[in-house]
C-alpha atoms as a PDB file:
ATOM      1  CA  MET A   1       0.009   0.145  -0.137  1.00  0.00           C
ATOM      2  CA  PRO A   2       1.642   3.177  -1.097  1.00  0.00           C
ATOM      3  CA  ARG A   3       1.654   5.807   1.587  1.00  0.00           C
ATOM      4  CA  ALA A   4       0.140   9.640   1.465  1.00  0.00           C
ATOM      5  CA  ALA A   5       2.284  12.321   0.735  1.00  0.00           C
ATOM      6  CA  VAL A   6       3.924  14.107   3.396  1.00  0.00           C
ATOM      7  CA  ASN A   7       4.240  18.357   2.054  1.00  0.00           C
ATOM      8  CA  ASP A   8       7.338  19.122   4.987  1.00  0.00           C
ATOM      9  CA  ASN A   9       8.990  15.627   4.227  1.00  0.00           C
ATOM     10  CA  ASN A  10      13.369  16.473   3.872  1.00  0.00           C
ATOM     11  CA  ARG A  11      12.651  12.933   2.313  1.00  0.00           C
ATOM     12  CA  VAL A  12      14.378  11.571  -1.319  1.00  0.00           C
ATOM     13  CA  ALA A  13      13.218   8.394  -2.560  1.00  0.00           C
ATOM     14  CA  LEU A  14      15.819   6.202  -3.960  1.00  0.00           C
ATOM     15  CA  ARG A  15      15.042   2.814  -5.741  1.00  0.00           C
ATOM     16  CA  VAL A  16      18.343   1.247  -6.334  1.00  0.00           C
ATOM     17  CA  ARG A  17      19.579  -2.251  -7.464  1.00  0.00           C
ATOM     18  CA  PRO A  18      21.171  -4.103  -4.466  1.00  0.00           C
ATOM     19  CA  ALA A  19      24.564  -3.811  -6.237  1.00  0.00           C
ATOM     20  CA  ASP A  20      24.619  -0.113  -6.961  1.00  0.00           C
ATOM     21  CA  LYS A  21      23.862  -0.287  -3.684  1.00  0.00           C
ATOM     22  CA  ALA A  22      26.319  -1.865  -2.644  1.00  0.00           C
ATOM     23  CA  VAL A  23      28.916   0.624  -4.299  1.00  0.00           C
ATOM     24  CA  ILE A  24      27.454   3.330  -2.984  1.00  0.00           C
ATOM     25  CA  VAL A  25      27.803   1.778   0.181  1.00  0.00           C
ATOM     26  CA  ARG A  26      31.607   1.120  -0.175  1.00  0.00           C
ATOM     27  CA  ALA A  27      31.875   4.243  -1.442  1.00  0.00           C
ATOM     28  CA  ALA A  28      31.034   5.774   1.282  1.00  0.00           C
ATOM     29  CA  ALA A  29      32.882   3.911   3.428  1.00  0.00           C
ATOM     30  CA  LEU A  30      36.385   4.651   1.964  1.00  0.00           C
ATOM     31  CA  ALA A  31      35.129   8.307   1.976  1.00  0.00           C
ATOM     32  CA  GLN A  32      34.187   7.703   5.739  1.00  0.00           C
ATOM     33  CA  THR A  33      31.311   9.602   5.621  1.00  0.00           C
ATOM     34  CA  ASP A  34      27.688   7.887   5.920  1.00  0.00           C
ATOM     35  CA  MET A  35      25.680   6.925   3.111  1.00  0.00           C
ATOM     36  CA  THR A  36      23.236   9.932   3.058  1.00  0.00           C
ATOM     37  CA  THR A  37      26.041  12.422   3.052  1.00  0.00           C
ATOM     38  CA  PHE A  38      28.172  11.303   0.681  1.00  0.00           C
ATOM     39  CA  ILE A  39      24.930  10.351  -1.529  1.00  0.00           C
ATOM     40  CA  LEU A  40      24.117  14.034  -0.654  1.00  0.00           C
ATOM     41  CA  ARG A  41      27.738  15.882  -1.301  1.00  0.00           C
ATOM     42  CA  THR A  42      27.710  13.620  -4.800  1.00  0.00           C
ATOM     43  CA  VAL A  43      24.708  14.713  -6.598  1.00  0.00           C
ATOM     44  CA  LEU A  44      25.067  18.443  -5.094  1.00  0.00           C
ATOM     45  CA  ARG A  45      28.287  18.921  -6.884  1.00  0.00           C
ATOM     46  CA  GLU A  46      26.659  17.299 -10.196  1.00  0.00           C
ATOM     47  CA  ALA A  47      23.671  19.644  -9.863  1.00  0.00           C
ATOM     48  CA  ARG A  48      25.844  22.440  -9.891  1.00  0.00           C
ATOM     49  CA  SER A  49      28.156  21.226 -12.020  1.00  0.00           C
ATOM     50  CA  VAL A  50      24.498  20.943 -14.739  1.00  0.00           C
ATOM     51  CA  ILE A  51      23.339  24.410 -14.177  1.00  0.00           C
ATOM     52  CA  GLU A  52      26.739  26.291 -14.705  1.00  0.00           C
ATOM     53  CA  GLU A  53      26.541  24.786 -18.052  1.00  0.00           C
ATOM     54  CA  HIS A  54      23.445  25.483 -19.305  1.00  0.00           C
ATOM     55  CA  GLU A  55      23.031  29.478 -18.391  1.00  0.00           C
ATOM     56  CA  ARG A  56      26.889  29.570 -18.493  1.00  0.00           C
ATOM     57  CA  VAL A  57      28.081  30.464 -22.084  1.00  0.00           C
ATOM     58  CA  LYS A  58      31.280  29.511 -23.144  1.00  0.00           C
ATOM     59  CA  LEU A  59      32.826  31.668 -25.957  1.00  0.00           C
ATOM     60  CA  THR A  60      35.542  30.867 -28.093  1.00  0.00           C
ATOM     61  CA  ARG A  61      38.669  32.476 -28.022  1.00  0.00           C
ATOM     62  CA  ARG A  62      37.817  33.658 -32.007  1.00  0.00           C
ATOM     63  CA  ASP A  63      34.417  34.454 -30.081  1.00  0.00           C
ATOM     64  CA  SER A  64      35.030  36.424 -27.600  1.00  0.00           C
ATOM     65  CA  ARG A  65      36.982  38.748 -29.854  1.00  0.00           C
ATOM     66  CA  LEU A  66      34.030  39.026 -31.994  1.00  0.00           C
ATOM     67  CA  VAL A  67      31.676  40.200 -29.362  1.00  0.00           C
ATOM     68  CA  MET A  68      34.547  42.477 -27.579  1.00  0.00           C
ATOM     69  CA  GLU A  69      34.661  44.471 -31.349  1.00  0.00           C
ATOM     70  CA  LEU A  70      31.364  44.297 -31.460  1.00  0.00           C
ATOM     71  CA  LEU A  71      30.870  46.019 -27.825  1.00  0.00           C
ATOM     72  CA  ASP A  72      33.496  48.745 -29.633  1.00  0.00           C
ATOM     73  CA  ASN A  73      31.848  49.183 -32.833  1.00  0.00           C
ATOM     74  CA  PRO A  74      28.461  48.199 -33.088  1.00  0.00           C
ATOM     75  CA  PRO A  75      27.109  47.840 -36.645  1.00  0.00           C
ATOM     76  CA  ALA A  76      24.732  51.242 -37.646  1.00  0.00           C
ATOM     77  CA  PRO A  77      21.094  49.697 -37.098  1.00  0.00           C
ATOM     78  CA  ASN A  78      18.948  47.799 -40.194  1.00  0.00           C
ATOM     79  CA  ALA A  79      15.445  48.445 -40.739  1.00  0.00           C
ATOM     80  CA  LYS A  80      14.351  46.024 -38.645  1.00  0.00           C
ATOM     81  CA  LEU A  81      16.179  47.442 -35.683  1.00  0.00           C
ATOM     82  CA  ARG A  82      14.547  51.023 -35.612  1.00  0.00           C
ATOM     83  CA  LYS A  83      11.337  49.432 -36.123  1.00  0.00           C
ATOM     84  CA  ALA A  84      11.960  47.368 -33.115  1.00  0.00           C
ATOM     85  CA  ALA A  85      13.280  50.631 -31.125  1.00  0.00           C
ATOM     86  CA  ARG A  86      10.126  52.472 -32.124  1.00  0.00           C
ATOM     87  CA  ALA A  87       7.648  49.435 -31.666  1.00  0.00           C
ATOM     88  CA  MET A  88       9.706  49.501 -27.752  1.00  0.00           C
ATOM     89  CA  ASP A  89       9.263  54.045 -27.442  1.00  0.00           C
ATOM     90  CA  ALA A  90       5.664  53.789 -28.144  1.00  0.00           C
ATOM     91  CA  LYS A  91       4.980  51.039 -25.804  1.00  0.00           C
ATOM     92  CA  ASN A  92       6.742  52.658 -23.026  1.00  0.00           C
ATOM     93  CA  GLU A  93       4.646  55.547 -23.291  1.00  0.00           C
ATOM     94  CA  ARG A  94       1.560  54.054 -23.378  1.00  0.00           C
ATOM     95  CA  ALA A  95       3.003  52.130 -20.210  1.00  0.00           C
ATOM     96  CA  ALA A  96       3.500  55.734 -18.624  1.00  0.00           C
ATOM     97  CA  LYS A  97       0.675  57.065 -18.901  1.00  0.00           C
END
């Protein structure tokens, strides 16, 4: 019978094959820590890595130079950019009223 969900529970349930659990238990023992601490430390490290990978833009040296060049010497605005700027100005004027 399934357990009722508890909203204020800080637990995470996880099913693990016995062989995988044995590896985790051994690694935790070698790290001289308990299984919860070992799993949490490892998962948080990986989670932070995944978040950083998805939130940070990494440019090649060539692309970095191109971005800096464009910031120093931006191209002249084209028709599409001028139209977008006019639309933004009109929207801001309506919002100010």
